[in-house]
PDB file of N, CA and C in Angstrom:
ATOM      1  N   MET A   1     245.514  30.272 184.571  1.00  0.00           N
ATOM      2  CA  MET A   1     246.720  30.074 185.371  1.00  0.00           C
ATOM      3  C   MET A   1     246.372  28.584 185.366  1.00  0.00           C
ATOM      4  N   LEU A   2     247.877  27.679 185.456  1.00  0.00           N
ATOM      5  CA  LEU A   2     248.026  26.311 185.444  1.00  0.00           C
ATOM      6  C   LEU A   2     248.312  26.269 187.171  1.00  0.00           C
ATOM      7  N   CYS A   3     247.973  25.305 187.487  1.00  0.00           N
ATOM      8  CA  CYS A   3     248.256  24.891 188.966  1.00  0.00           C
ATOM      9  C   CYS A   3     249.372  23.778 188.902  1.00  0.00           C
ATOM     10  N   PRO A   4     250.327  24.545 190.014  1.00  0.00           N
ATOM     11  CA  PRO A   4     251.805  24.211 189.951  1.00  0.00           C
ATOM     12  C   PRO A   4     251.832  22.530 190.644  1.00  0.00           C
ATOM     13  N   LYS A   5     250.597  21.930 190.866  1.00  0.00           N
ATOM     14  CA  LYS A   5     250.396  20.851 191.913  1.00  0.00           C
ATOM     15  C   LYS A   5     249.797  19.822 190.866  1.00  0.00           C
ATOM     16  N   CYS A   6     248.468  20.074 189.985  1.00  0.00           N
ATOM     17  CA  CYS A   6     248.055  18.821 189.438  1.00  0.00           C
ATOM     18  C   CYS A   6     247.992  19.157 187.932  1.00  0.00           C
ATOM     19  N   GLY A   7     248.134  20.766 187.573  1.00  0.00           N
ATOM     20  CA  GLY A   7     248.463  20.594 186.406  1.00  0.00           C
ATOM     21  C   GLY A   7     246.942  21.583 185.932  1.00  0.00           C
ATOM     22  N   THR A   8     245.955  21.497 186.477  1.00  0.00           N
ATOM     23  CA  THR A   8     244.630  21.710 186.041  1.00  0.00           C
ATOM     24  C   THR A   8     244.448  23.471 185.689  1.00  0.00           C
ATOM     25  N   GLU A   9     243.896  23.671 184.537  1.00  0.00           N
ATOM     26  CA  GLU A   9     243.703  25.203 184.162  1.00  0.00           C
ATOM     27  C   GLU A   9     242.567  25.973 185.135  1.00  0.00           C
ATOM     28  N   ASN A  10     243.002  26.862 185.732  1.00  0.00           N
ATOM     29  CA  ASN A  10     242.020  27.964 186.455  1.00  0.00           C
ATOM     30  C   ASN A  10     242.166  29.279 185.877  1.00  0.00           C
ATOM     31  N   THR A  11     241.163  30.177 186.518  1.00  0.00           N
ATOM     32  CA  THR A  11     240.974  31.589 186.072  1.00  0.00           C
ATOM     33  C   THR A  11     241.981  32.291 186.518  1.00  0.00           C
ATOM     34  N   GLU A  12     242.172  33.436 185.890  1.00  0.00           N
ATOM     35  CA  GLU A  12     243.433  33.962 186.521  1.00  0.00           C
ATOM     36  C   GLU A  12     243.490  34.885 188.082  1.00  0.00           C
ATOM     37  N   GLN A  13     241.963  34.603 188.346  1.00  0.00           N
ATOM     38  CA  GLN A  13     241.778  35.570 189.430  1.00  0.00           C
ATOM     39  C   GLN A  13     241.282  34.366 190.641  1.00  0.00           C
ATOM     40  N   ALA A  14     241.693  33.223 190.372  1.00  0.00           N
ATOM     41  CA  ALA A  14     241.765  32.070 190.987  1.00  0.00           C
ATOM     42  C   ALA A  14     242.656  31.982 192.602  1.00  0.00           C
ATOM     43  N   GLU A  15     242.355  32.019 193.596  1.00  0.00           N
ATOM     44  CA  GLU A  15     243.447  31.738 194.584  1.00  0.00           C
ATOM     45  C   GLU A  15     243.750  30.385 195.024  1.00  0.00           C
ATOM     46  N   SER A  16     242.915  29.710 194.529  1.00  0.00           N
ATOM     47  CA  SER A  16     243.211  27.951 194.792  1.00  0.00           C
ATOM     48  C   SER A  16     242.646  27.311 193.733  1.00  0.00           C
ATOM     49  N   CYS A  17     243.338  26.238 193.385  1.00  0.00           N
ATOM     50  CA  CYS A  17     242.947  25.439 192.492  1.00  0.00           C
ATOM     51  C   CYS A  17     241.441  24.673 192.511  1.00  0.00           C
ATOM     52  N   ILE A  18     241.009  24.905 191.439  1.00  0.00           N
ATOM     53  CA  ILE A  18     239.618  24.395 191.552  1.00  0.00           C
ATOM     54  C   ILE A  18     239.216  22.620 191.612  1.00  0.00           C
ATOM     55  N   ASN A  19     240.374  21.716 191.207  1.00  0.00           N
ATOM     56  CA  ASN A  19     240.523  20.692 191.529  1.00  0.00           C
ATOM     57  C   ASN A  19     241.064  19.990 192.532  1.00  0.00           C
ATOM     58  N   CYS A  20     242.345  20.751 193.188  1.00  0.00           N
ATOM     59  CA  CYS A  20     243.068  20.005 194.256  1.00  0.00           C
ATOM     60  C   CYS A  20     243.235  20.698 195.370  1.00  0.00           C
ATOM     61  N   GLY A  21     242.652  21.983 195.050  1.00  0.00           N
ATOM     62  CA  GLY A  21     242.715  23.252 196.308  1.00  0.00           C
ATOM     63  C   GLY A  21     243.806  23.812 196.566  1.00  0.00           C
ATOM     64  N   ALA A  22     244.890  23.284 196.011  1.00  0.00           N
ATOM     65  CA  ALA A  22     246.286  23.899 196.248  1.00  0.00           C
ATOM     66  C   ALA A  22     246.322  25.643 196.045  1.00  0.00           C
ATOM     67  N   THR A  23     247.455  26.271 196.709  1.00  0.00           N
ATOM     68  CA  THR A  23     247.298  27.436 196.776  1.00  0.00           C
ATOM     69  C   THR A  23     247.845  27.958 195.451  1.00  0.00           C
ATOM     70  N   LEU A  24     247.261  29.029 194.251  1.00  0.00           N
ATOM     71  CA  LEU A  24     247.801  29.436 192.749  1.00  0.00           C
ATOM     72  C   LEU A  24     248.827  30.561 193.183  1.00  0.00           C
ATOM     73  N   LYS A  25     248.445  31.480 194.072  1.00  0.00           N
ATOM     74  CA  LYS A  25     249.059  32.946 194.565  1.00  0.00           C
ATOM     75  C   LYS A  25     250.090  32.848 195.307  1.00  0.00           C
ATOM     76  N   GLU A  26     251.204  33.277 195.232  1.00  0.00           N
ATOM     77  CA  GLU A  26     252.410  33.185 196.346  1.00  0.00           C
ATOM     78  C   GLU A  26     251.820  34.405 197.260  1.00  0.00           C
ATOM     79  N   GLU A  27     252.123  34.055 198.504  1.00  0.00           N
ATOM     80  CA  GLU A  27     252.040  34.924 199.661  1.00  0.00           C
ATOM     81  C   GLU A  27     253.405  35.643 199.528  1.00  0.00           C
ATOM     82  N   VAL A  28     252.851  37.378 199.568  1.00  0.00           N
ATOM     83  CA  VAL A  28     253.560  38.299 199.248  1.00  0.00           C
ATOM     84  C   VAL A  28     253.540  39.348 200.636  1.00  0.00           C
ATOM     85  N   PRO A  29     254.627  39.455 201.286  1.00  0.00           N
ATOM     86  CA  PRO A  29     254.382  40.140 202.543  1.00  0.00           C
ATOM     87  C   PRO A  29     253.892  41.684 202.265  1.00  0.00           C
ATOM     88  N   ALA A  30     253.059  41.835 203.423  1.00  0.00           N
ATOM     89  CA  ALA A  30     252.398  43.648 203.055  1.00  0.00           C
ATOM     90  C   ALA A  30     253.326  44.575 203.270  1.00  0.00           C
ATOM     91  N   GLU A  31     254.386  44.407 203.575  1.00  0.00           N
ATOM     92  CA  GLU A  31     255.708  45.490 203.254  1.00  0.00           C
ATOM     93  C   GLU A  31     255.757  45.686 201.971  1.00  0.00           C
ATOM     94  N   GLN A  32     256.165  44.658 201.061  1.00  0.00           N
ATOM     95  CA  GLN A  32     256.577  44.420 199.693  1.00  0.00           C
ATOM     96  C   GLN A  32     255.166  45.264 198.253  1.00  0.00           C
ATOM     97  N   LEU A  33     254.035  45.206 199.175  1.00  0.00           N
ATOM     98  CA  LEU A  33     252.916  45.449 198.005  1.00  0.00           C
ATOM     99  C   LEU A  33     253.119  47.136 198.089  1.00  0.00           C
ATOM    100  N   SER A  34     252.461  47.571 197.081  1.00  0.00           N
ATOM    101  CA  SER A  34     252.278  49.057 197.025  1.00  0.00           C
ATOM    102  C   SER A  34     251.107  49.005 197.273  1.00  0.00           C
ATOM    103  N   GLU A  35     250.649  50.171 197.590  1.00  0.00           N
ATOM    104  CA  GLU A  35     249.283  50.444 198.218  1.00  0.00           C
ATOM    105  C   GLU A  35     248.233  50.165 197.685  1.00  0.00           C
ATOM    106  N   GLN A  36     248.241  50.244 196.354  1.00  0.00           N
ATOM    107  CA  GLN A  36     247.127  49.942 195.207  1.00  0.00           C
ATOM    108  C   GLN A  36     246.747  48.440 195.494  1.00  0.00           C
ATOM    109  N   GLU A  37     248.002  47.790 195.640  1.00  0.00           N
ATOM    110  CA  GLU A  37     247.730  46.056 195.767  1.00  0.00           C
ATOM    111  C   GLU A  37     247.560  45.579 197.206  1.00  0.00           C
ATOM    112  N   ALA A  38     247.749  46.481 198.156  1.00  0.00           N
ATOM    113  CA  ALA A  38     247.505  45.949 199.358  1.00  0.00           C
ATOM    114  C   ALA A  38     246.021  46.104 199.837  1.00  0.00           C
ATOM    115  N   ALA A  39     245.168  47.367 199.058  1.00  0.00           N
ATOM    116  CA  ALA A  39     244.033  47.415 199.280  1.00  0.00           C
ATOM    117  C   ALA A  39     243.349  46.162 198.717  1.00  0.00           C
ATOM    118  N   PRO A  40     242.404  45.279 199.268  1.00  0.00           N
ATOM    119  CA  PRO A  40     241.369  44.693 198.383  1.00  0.00           C
ATOM    120  C   PRO A  40     240.379  44.957 197.755  1.00  0.00           C
ATOM    121  N   VAL A  41     240.442  44.965 196.194  1.00  0.00           N
ATOM    122  CA  VAL A  41     239.517  45.210 195.434  1.00  0.00           C
ATOM    123  C   VAL A  41     238.682  44.443 195.060  1.00  0.00           C
ATOM    124  N   HIS A  42     237.053  44.909 195.094  1.00  0.00           N
ATOM    125  CA  HIS A  42     235.837  44.187 195.561  1.00  0.00           C
ATOM    126  C   HIS A  42     235.134  44.553 193.915  1.00  0.00           C
ATOM    127  N   PRO A  43     235.265  43.799 192.741  1.00  0.00           N
ATOM    128  CA  PRO A  43     234.649  44.466 191.445  1.00  0.00           C
ATOM    129  C   PRO A  43     233.253  44.615 191.619  1.00  0.00           C
ATOM    130  N   ARG A  44     232.590  43.893 192.416  1.00  0.00           N
ATOM    131  CA  ARG A  44     231.152  44.220 192.438  1.00  0.00           C
ATOM    132  C   ARG A  44     230.625  45.227 192.914  1.00  0.00           C
ATOM    133  N   LEU A  45     231.659  46.075 193.681  1.00  0.00           N
ATOM    134  CA  LEU A  45     231.152  47.153 194.286  1.00  0.00           C
ATOM    135  C   LEU A  45     231.900  48.095 193.657  1.00  0.00           C
ATOM    136  N   THR A  46     232.647  48.409 192.606  1.00  0.00           N
ATOM    137  CA  THR A  46     233.348  49.347 192.138  1.00  0.00           C
ATOM    138  C   THR A  46     232.237  49.952 190.557  1.00  0.00           C
ATOM    139  N   ASN A  47     231.464  49.252 190.435  1.00  0.00           N
ATOM    140  CA  ASN A  47     230.569  49.642 189.717  1.00  0.00           C
ATOM    141  C   ASN A  47     229.730  50.410 190.001  1.00  0.00           C
ATOM    142  N   ILE A  48     229.108  50.460 191.314  1.00  0.00           N
ATOM    143  CA  ILE A  48     227.844  50.916 191.704  1.00  0.00           C
ATOM    144  C   ILE A  48     227.977  52.673 191.762  1.00  0.00           C
ATOM    145  N   ASP A  49     226.894  53.218 191.199  1.00  0.00           N
ATOM    146  CA  ASP A  49     226.562  54.469 191.030  1.00  0.00           C
ATOM    147  C   ASP A  49     225.909  55.181 192.251  1.00  0.00           C
ATOM    148  N   MET A  50     226.683  55.359 193.220  1.00  0.00           N
ATOM    149  CA  MET A  50     226.378  56.041 194.266  1.00  0.00           C
ATOM    150  C   MET A  50     225.582  57.128 194.407  1.00  0.00           C
ATOM    151  N   GLN A  51     224.062  57.798 194.933  1.00  0.00           N
ATOM    152  CA  GLN A  51     223.310  58.607 194.684  1.00  0.00           C
ATOM    153  C   GLN A  51     223.569  59.534 196.136  1.00  0.00           C
ATOM    154  N   SER A  52     223.601  60.977 195.636  1.00  0.00           N
ATOM    155  CA  SER A  52     223.855  61.371 196.612  1.00  0.00           C
ATOM    156  C   SER A  52     221.949  61.858 197.646  1.00  0.00           C
ATOM    157  N   SER A  53     221.806  61.993 198.248  1.00  0.00           N
ATOM    158  CA  SER A  53     220.803  62.014 198.988  1.00  0.00           C
ATOM    159  C   SER A  53     220.212  63.263 198.728  1.00  0.00           C
ATOM    160  N   ALA A  54     220.426  64.051 197.843  1.00  0.00           N
ATOM    161  CA  ALA A  54     219.434  65.160 197.178  1.00  0.00           C
ATOM    162  C   ALA A  54     218.616  64.758 196.035  1.00  0.00           C
ATOM    163  N   SER A  55     219.480  63.555 195.331  1.00  0.00           N
ATOM    164  CA  SER A  55     218.973  63.138 194.095  1.00  0.00           C
ATOM    165  C   SER A  55     218.012  62.008 194.809  1.00  0.00           C
ATOM    166  N   MET A  56     218.271  61.533 195.753  1.00  0.00           N
ATOM    167  CA  MET A  56     217.277  60.808 195.942  1.00  0.00           C
ATOM    168  C   MET A  56     215.908  61.208 196.354  1.00  0.00           C
ATOM    169  N   ASP A  57     215.890  62.456 196.915  1.00  0.00           N
ATOM    170  CA  ASP A  57     214.804  62.944 197.355  1.00  0.00           C
ATOM    171  C   ASP A  57     213.808  63.416 196.137  1.00  0.00           C
ATOM    172  N   SER A  58     214.229  63.451 195.081  1.00  0.00           N
ATOM    173  CA  SER A  58     213.346  64.156 193.927  1.00  0.00           C
ATOM    174  C   SER A  58     212.723  63.423 193.433  1.00  0.00           C
ATOM    175  N   LYS A  59     212.572  61.654 193.733  1.00  0.00           N
ATOM    176  CA  LYS A  59     211.812  61.079 193.775  1.00  0.00           C
ATOM    177  C   LYS A  59     210.468  60.733 194.656  1.00  0.00           C
ATOM    178  N   PRO A  60     209.687  60.765 194.567  1.00  0.00           N
ATOM    179  CA  PRO A  60     208.627  60.657 195.685  1.00  0.00           C
ATOM    180  C   PRO A  60     208.212  59.310 196.157  1.00  0.00           C
ATOM    181  N   VAL A  61     208.390  59.165 197.660  1.00  0.00           N
ATOM    182  CA  VAL A  61     207.967  57.761 197.916  1.00  0.00           C
ATOM    183  C   VAL A  61     206.726  57.185 197.490  1.00  0.00           C
ATOM    184  N   VAL A  62     205.777  57.568 197.415  1.00  0.00           N
ATOM    185  CA  VAL A  62     204.525  57.336 197.277  1.00  0.00           C
ATOM    186  C   VAL A  62     204.267  58.350 196.112  1.00  0.00           C
ATOM    187  N   SER A  63     203.444  58.049 195.120  1.00  0.00           N
ATOM    188  CA  SER A  63     202.823  58.980 194.024  1.00  0.00           C
ATOM    189  C   SER A  63     201.489  59.323 194.401  1.00  0.00           C
ATOM    190  N   ALA A  64     201.294  60.535 194.070  1.00  0.00           N
ATOM    191  CA  ALA A  64     200.229  61.577 194.309  1.00  0.00           C
ATOM    192  C   ALA A  64     198.907  60.840 194.143  1.00  0.00           C
ATOM    193  N   ALA A  65     198.729  59.504 192.871  1.00  0.00           N
ATOM    194  CA  ALA A  65     197.437  59.118 192.513  1.00  0.00           C
ATOM    195  C   ALA A  65     197.273  57.856 193.678  1.00  0.00           C
ATOM    196  N   LEU A  66     198.536  57.341 194.207  1.00  0.00           N
ATOM    197  CA  LEU A  66     198.340  56.611 195.423  1.00  0.00           C
ATOM    198  C   LEU A  66     197.960  57.070 196.259  1.00  0.00           C
ATOM    199  N   TYR A  67     198.652  58.176 196.772  1.00  0.00           N
ATOM    200  CA  TYR A  67     198.042  58.714 197.901  1.00  0.00           C
ATOM    201  C   TYR A  67     196.484  59.149 198.072  1.00  0.00           C
ATOM    202  N   VAL A  68     196.019  59.625 196.863  1.00  0.00           N
ATOM    203  CA  VAL A  68     194.542  59.982 197.052  1.00  0.00           C
ATOM    204  C   VAL A  68     193.898  58.951 196.766  1.00  0.00           C
ATOM    205  N   ALA A  69     194.244  57.755 196.056  1.00  0.00           N
ATOM    206  CA  ALA A  69     193.458  56.521 196.155  1.00  0.00           C
ATOM    207  C   ALA A  69     193.139  55.896 197.559  1.00  0.00           C
ATOM    208  N   VAL A  70     194.288  55.846 198.187  1.00  0.00           N
ATOM    209  CA  VAL A  70     193.906  55.190 199.447  1.00  0.00           C
ATOM    210  C   VAL A  70     193.119  55.963 200.654  1.00  0.00           C
ATOM    211  N   ILE A  71     193.425  57.842 200.520  1.00  0.00           N
ATOM    212  CA  ILE A  71     192.590  58.377 201.046  1.00  0.00           C
ATOM    213  C   ILE A  71     190.894  57.700 200.778  1.00  0.00           C
ATOM    214  N   THR A  72     190.676  58.167 199.601  1.00  0.00           N
ATOM    215  CA  THR A  72     189.441  57.811 199.052  1.00  0.00           C
ATOM    216  C   THR A  72     188.929  56.633 199.262  1.00  0.00           C
ATOM    217  N   GLY A  73     189.615  55.659 199.229  1.00  0.00           N
ATOM    218  CA  GLY A  73     189.650  54.248 199.394  1.00  0.00           C
ATOM    219  C   GLY A  73     189.154  54.221 201.157  1.00  0.00           C
ATOM    220  N   THR A  74     189.956  54.984 202.052  1.00  0.00           N
ATOM    221  CA  THR A  74     189.775  54.806 203.588  1.00  0.00           C
ATOM    222  C   THR A  74     188.031  55.551 203.725  1.00  0.00           C
ATOM    223  N   LEU A  75     187.811  56.587 202.972  1.00  0.00           N
ATOM    224  CA  LEU A  75     186.642  57.101 203.135  1.00  0.00           C
ATOM    225  C   LEU A  75     185.471  55.975 203.280  1.00  0.00           C
ATOM    226  N   ILE A  76     185.549  54.985 202.074  1.00  0.00           N
ATOM    227  CA  ILE A  76     184.424  54.083 201.967  1.00  0.00           C
ATOM    228  C   ILE A  76     184.995  52.757 202.938  1.00  0.00           C
ATOM    229  N   PHE A  77     186.026  52.331 202.902  1.00  0.00           N
ATOM    230  CA  PHE A  77     186.462  51.316 203.799  1.00  0.00           C
ATOM    231  C   PHE A  77     187.467  51.358 204.290  1.00  0.00           C
ATOM    232  N   PRO A  78     187.290  51.963 205.583  1.00  0.00           N
ATOM    233  CA  PRO A  78     188.826  52.328 206.872  1.00  0.00           C
ATOM    234  C   PRO A  78     189.594  51.560 206.929  1.00  0.00           C
ATOM    235  N   ILE A  79     189.403  50.057 206.816  1.00  0.00           N
ATOM    236  CA  ILE A  79     190.104  49.126 206.776  1.00  0.00           C
ATOM    237  C   ILE A  79     191.546  49.226 205.837  1.00  0.00           C
ATOM    238  N   ILE A  80     191.027  50.029 204.583  1.00  0.00           N
ATOM    239  CA  ILE A  80     192.305  50.134 203.854  1.00  0.00           C
ATOM    240  C   ILE A  80     193.103  51.285 204.231  1.00  0.00           C
ATOM    241  N   GLY A  81     192.970  52.200 204.838  1.00  0.00           N
ATOM    242  CA  GLY A  81     193.669  52.917 205.164  1.00  0.00           C
ATOM    243  C   GLY A  81     194.444  52.611 206.761  1.00  0.00           C
ATOM    244  N   VAL A  82     193.908  51.757 207.410  1.00  0.00           N
ATOM    245  CA  VAL A  82     194.597  51.227 208.584  1.00  0.00           C
ATOM    246  C   VAL A  82     195.742  50.313 208.072  1.00  0.00           C
ATOM    247  N   ILE A  83     195.277  49.196 207.010  1.00  0.00           N
ATOM    248  CA  ILE A  83     196.733  48.308 206.906  1.00  0.00           C
ATOM    249  C   ILE A  83     197.410  49.066 205.961  1.00  0.00           C
ATOM    250  N   MET A  84     197.126  50.152 204.829  1.00  0.00           N
ATOM    251  CA  MET A  84     198.010  50.784 204.259  1.00  0.00           C
ATOM    252  C   MET A  84     199.128  51.645 205.356  1.00  0.00           C
ATOM    253  N   GLY A  85     198.584  52.221 206.314  1.00  0.00           N
ATOM    254  CA  GLY A  85     199.015  52.976 207.452  1.00  0.00           C
ATOM    255  C   GLY A  85     200.454  52.028 208.281  1.00  0.00           C
ATOM    256  N   PHE A  86     200.103  51.023 208.563  1.00  0.00           N
ATOM    257  CA  PHE A  86     200.858  50.155 209.077  1.00  0.00           C
ATOM    258  C   PHE A  86     201.694  49.617 208.254  1.00  0.00           C
ATOM    259  N   THR A  87     201.343  49.211 207.144  1.00  0.00           N
ATOM    260  CA  THR A  87     202.567  48.821 206.009  1.00  0.00           C
ATOM    261  C   THR A  87     203.757  49.887 206.127  1.00  0.00           C
ATOM    262  N   TYR A  88     203.254  51.138 205.660  1.00  0.00           N
ATOM    263  CA  TYR A  88     203.839  52.406 205.470  1.00  0.00           C
ATOM    264  C   TYR A  88     204.786  52.511 206.467  1.00  0.00           C
ATOM    265  N   LEU A  89     204.304  52.456 207.922  1.00  0.00           N
ATOM    266  CA  LEU A  89     204.961  52.446 209.231  1.00  0.00           C
ATOM    267  C   LEU A  89     206.224  51.992 209.310  1.00  0.00           C
ATOM    268  N   ARG A  90     206.220  50.461 208.854  1.00  0.00           N
ATOM    269  CA  ARG A  90     207.162  49.629 209.072  1.00  0.00           C
ATOM    270  C   ARG A  90     208.290  49.747 207.912  1.00  0.00           C
ATOM    271  N   LYS A  91     208.140  50.566 207.440  1.00  0.00           N
ATOM    272  CA  LYS A  91     209.517  50.949 206.188  1.00  0.00           C
ATOM    273  C   LYS A  91     210.613  52.342 206.591  1.00  0.00           C
ATOM    274  N   THR A  92     211.803  52.396 206.399  1.00  0.00           N
ATOM    275  CA  THR A  92     212.936  52.782 207.213  1.00  0.00           C
ATOM    276  C   THR A  92     212.680  54.022 206.789  1.00  0.00           C
ATOM    277  N   ASP A  93     212.250  54.593 205.415  1.00  0.00           N
ATOM    278  CA  ASP A  93     212.137  55.710 204.956  1.00  0.00           C
ATOM    279  C   ASP A  93     211.225  56.831 206.075  1.00  0.00           C
ATOM    280  N   PRO A  94     211.869  58.185 206.171  1.00  0.00           N
ATOM    281  CA  PRO A  94     211.078  58.771 206.843  1.00  0.00           C
ATOM    282  C   PRO A  94     209.802  58.931 206.536  1.00  0.00           C
ATOM    283  N   GLU A  95     209.909  59.762 205.044  1.00  0.00           N
ATOM    284  CA  GLU A  95     208.653  60.300 204.072  1.00  0.00           C
ATOM    285  C   GLU A  95     207.698  59.006 204.189  1.00  0.00           C
ATOM    286  N   ALA A  96     208.084  57.770 203.915  1.00  0.00           N
ATOM    287  CA  ALA A  96     207.147  56.417 204.246  1.00  0.00           C
ATOM    288  C   ALA A  96     206.762  56.476 205.543  1.00  0.00           C
ATOM    289  N   ARG A  97     207.030  56.316 206.669  1.00  0.00           N
ATOM    290  CA  ARG A  97     206.643  56.372 207.657  1.00  0.00           C
ATOM    291  C   ARG A  97     205.481  57.712 208.038  1.00  0.00           C
ATOM    292  N   LYS A  98     206.220  58.981 207.805  1.00  0.00           N
ATOM    293  CA  LYS A  98     205.127  59.897 207.696  1.00  0.00           C
ATOM    294  C   LYS A  98     203.447  59.891 206.897  1.00  0.00           C
ATOM    295  N   ILE A  99     203.818  59.038 205.695  1.00  0.00           N
ATOM    296  CA  ILE A  99     202.739  58.894 204.700  1.00  0.00           C
ATOM    297  C   ILE A  99     201.940  57.752 205.918  1.00  0.00           C
ATOM    298  N   GLY A 100     202.363  56.830 205.972  1.00  0.00           N
ATOM    299  CA  GLY A 100     201.568  55.670 207.028  1.00  0.00           C
ATOM    300  C   GLY A 100     201.044  56.243 208.213  1.00  0.00           C
ATOM    301  N   LYS A 101     201.553  57.227 208.674  1.00  0.00           N
ATOM    302  CA  LYS A 101     200.981  57.844 209.763  1.00  0.00           C
ATOM    303  C   LYS A 101     199.845  58.615 209.615  1.00  0.00           C
ATOM    304  N   THR A 102     199.858  59.331 208.403  1.00  0.00           N
ATOM    305  CA  THR A 102     198.739  59.742 207.786  1.00  0.00           C
ATOM    306  C   THR A 102     197.570  58.998 207.821  1.00  0.00           C
ATOM    307  N   TRP A 103     197.657  58.054 206.739  1.00  0.00           N
ATOM    308  CA  TRP A 103     197.040  56.972 206.487  1.00  0.00           C
ATOM    309  C   TRP A 103     196.275  55.974 207.534  1.00  0.00           C
ATOM    310  N   LEU A 104     197.193  56.033 208.356  1.00  0.00           N
ATOM    311  CA  LEU A 104     196.827  54.991 209.661  1.00  0.00           C
ATOM    312  C   LEU A 104     195.858  55.916 210.555  1.00  0.00           C
ATOM    313  N   ALA A 105     195.793  57.321 210.556  1.00  0.00           N
ATOM    314  CA  ALA A 105     195.286  58.380 211.215  1.00  0.00           C
ATOM    315  C   ALA A 105     193.691  58.356 210.365  1.00  0.00           C
ATOM    316  N   PHE A 106     193.691  58.689 209.248  1.00  0.00           N
ATOM    317  CA  PHE A 106     192.700  58.588 208.525  1.00  0.00           C
ATOM    318  C   PHE A 106     191.697  57.424 208.737  1.00  0.00           C
ATOM    319  N   GLY A 107     192.372  56.165 208.850  1.00  0.00           N
ATOM    320  CA  GLY A 107     191.764  54.976 208.512  1.00  0.00           C
ATOM    321  C   GLY A 107     191.142  54.804 209.905  1.00  0.00           C
ATOM    322  N   ILE A 108     191.735  55.065 211.351  1.00  0.00           N
ATOM    323  CA  ILE A 108     191.209  55.056 212.378  1.00  0.00           C
ATOM    324  C   ILE A 108     190.009  55.954 212.936  1.00  0.00           C
ATOM    325  N   VAL A 109     190.427  57.030 212.126  1.00  0.00           N
ATOM    326  CA  VAL A 109     189.186  58.193 212.783  1.00  0.00           C
ATOM    327  C   VAL A 109     187.531  57.825 211.750  1.00  0.00           C
ATOM    328  N   PHE A 110     187.998  57.123 210.329  1.00  0.00           N
ATOM    329  CA  PHE A 110     186.626  57.050 209.480  1.00  0.00           C
ATOM    330  C   PHE A 110     186.243  55.485 209.788  1.00  0.00           C
ATOM    331  N   LEU A 111     187.066  54.952 210.698  1.00  0.00           N
ATOM    332  CA  LEU A 111     186.219  53.771 211.102  1.00  0.00           C
ATOM    333  C   LEU A 111     185.606  54.183 212.295  1.00  0.00           C
ATOM    334  N   LEU A 112     186.000  55.130 213.318  1.00  0.00           N
ATOM    335  CA  LEU A 112     185.344  55.326 214.641  1.00  0.00           C
ATOM    336  C   LEU A 112     183.954  55.745 214.178  1.00  0.00           C
ATOM    337  N   ILE A 113     184.255  57.044 213.035  1.00  0.00           N
ATOM    338  CA  ILE A 113     183.065  57.270 212.387  1.00  0.00           C
ATOM    339  C   ILE A 113     182.052  56.361 211.821  1.00  0.00           C
ATOM    340  N   GLN A 114     182.569  55.454 211.318  1.00  0.00           N
ATOM    341  CA  GLN A 114     181.360  54.439 210.867  1.00  0.00           C
ATOM    342  C   GLN A 114     180.842  53.749 211.857  1.00  0.00           C
ATOM    343  N   VAL A 115     181.647  53.227 212.868  1.00  0.00           N
ATOM    344  CA  VAL A 115     181.139  52.326 214.043  1.00  0.00           C
ATOM    345  C   VAL A 115     180.134  53.227 214.838  1.00  0.00           C
ATOM    346  N   VAL A 116     180.377  54.714 215.163  1.00  0.00           N
ATOM    347  CA  VAL A 116     179.004  55.724 215.344  1.00  0.00           C
ATOM    348  C   VAL A 116     178.043  55.890 214.628  1.00  0.00           C
ATOM    349  N   LEU A 117     178.242  56.133 213.536  1.00  0.00           N
ATOM    350  CA  LEU A 117     176.968  56.106 212.539  1.00  0.00           C
ATOM    351  C   LEU A 117     175.965  54.859 212.527  1.00  0.00           C
ATOM    352  N   VAL A 118     176.800  53.549 212.710  1.00  0.00           N
ATOM    353  CA  VAL A 118     176.228  52.175 212.842  1.00  0.00           C
ATOM    354  C   VAL A 118     175.172  52.004 214.165  1.00  0.00           C
ATOM    355  N   ILE A 119     176.254  52.603 215.192  1.00  0.00           N
ATOM    356  CA  ILE A 119     175.131  52.491 216.252  1.00  0.00           C
ATOM    357  C   ILE A 119     174.322  53.226 216.590  1.00  0.00           C
ATOM    358  N   LEU A 120     174.249  54.790 216.222  1.00  0.00           N
ATOM    359  CA  LEU A 120     172.969  55.823 216.197  1.00  0.00           C
ATOM    360  C   LEU A 120     172.103  55.357 215.206  1.00  0.00           C
ATOM    361  N   ARG A 121     171.945  54.426 214.082  1.00  0.00           N
ATOM    362  CA  ARG A 121     171.007  54.138 213.231  1.00  0.00           C
ATOM    363  C   ARG A 121     169.981  53.452 213.874  1.00  0.00           C
TER     364      ARG A 121
END
């Protein structure tokens, strides 16, 4: 599309000239626009494949291997459970928060057990 003011070549989607800033498209009153023309089109958003909540639930938030690894690591080093628990508690997914609470609880319990064992020695 050529600019009527300076003659610079612009893209077809351009609303103003890249050289002089002049308006390239004529303003049409909203009454004269069809329903489809009146609605703004956002090409970036039209190709998004929206997933239903059922399909999102099929993939677990945490793999079974990671879950077992954190619990096992917490038995040896309780701080792992505390750190991972706080990390997952900050997530917005309710399933992740539930796992975070579990890891945090294990971390705190095993930390207290280790402290008691050290004191009783």
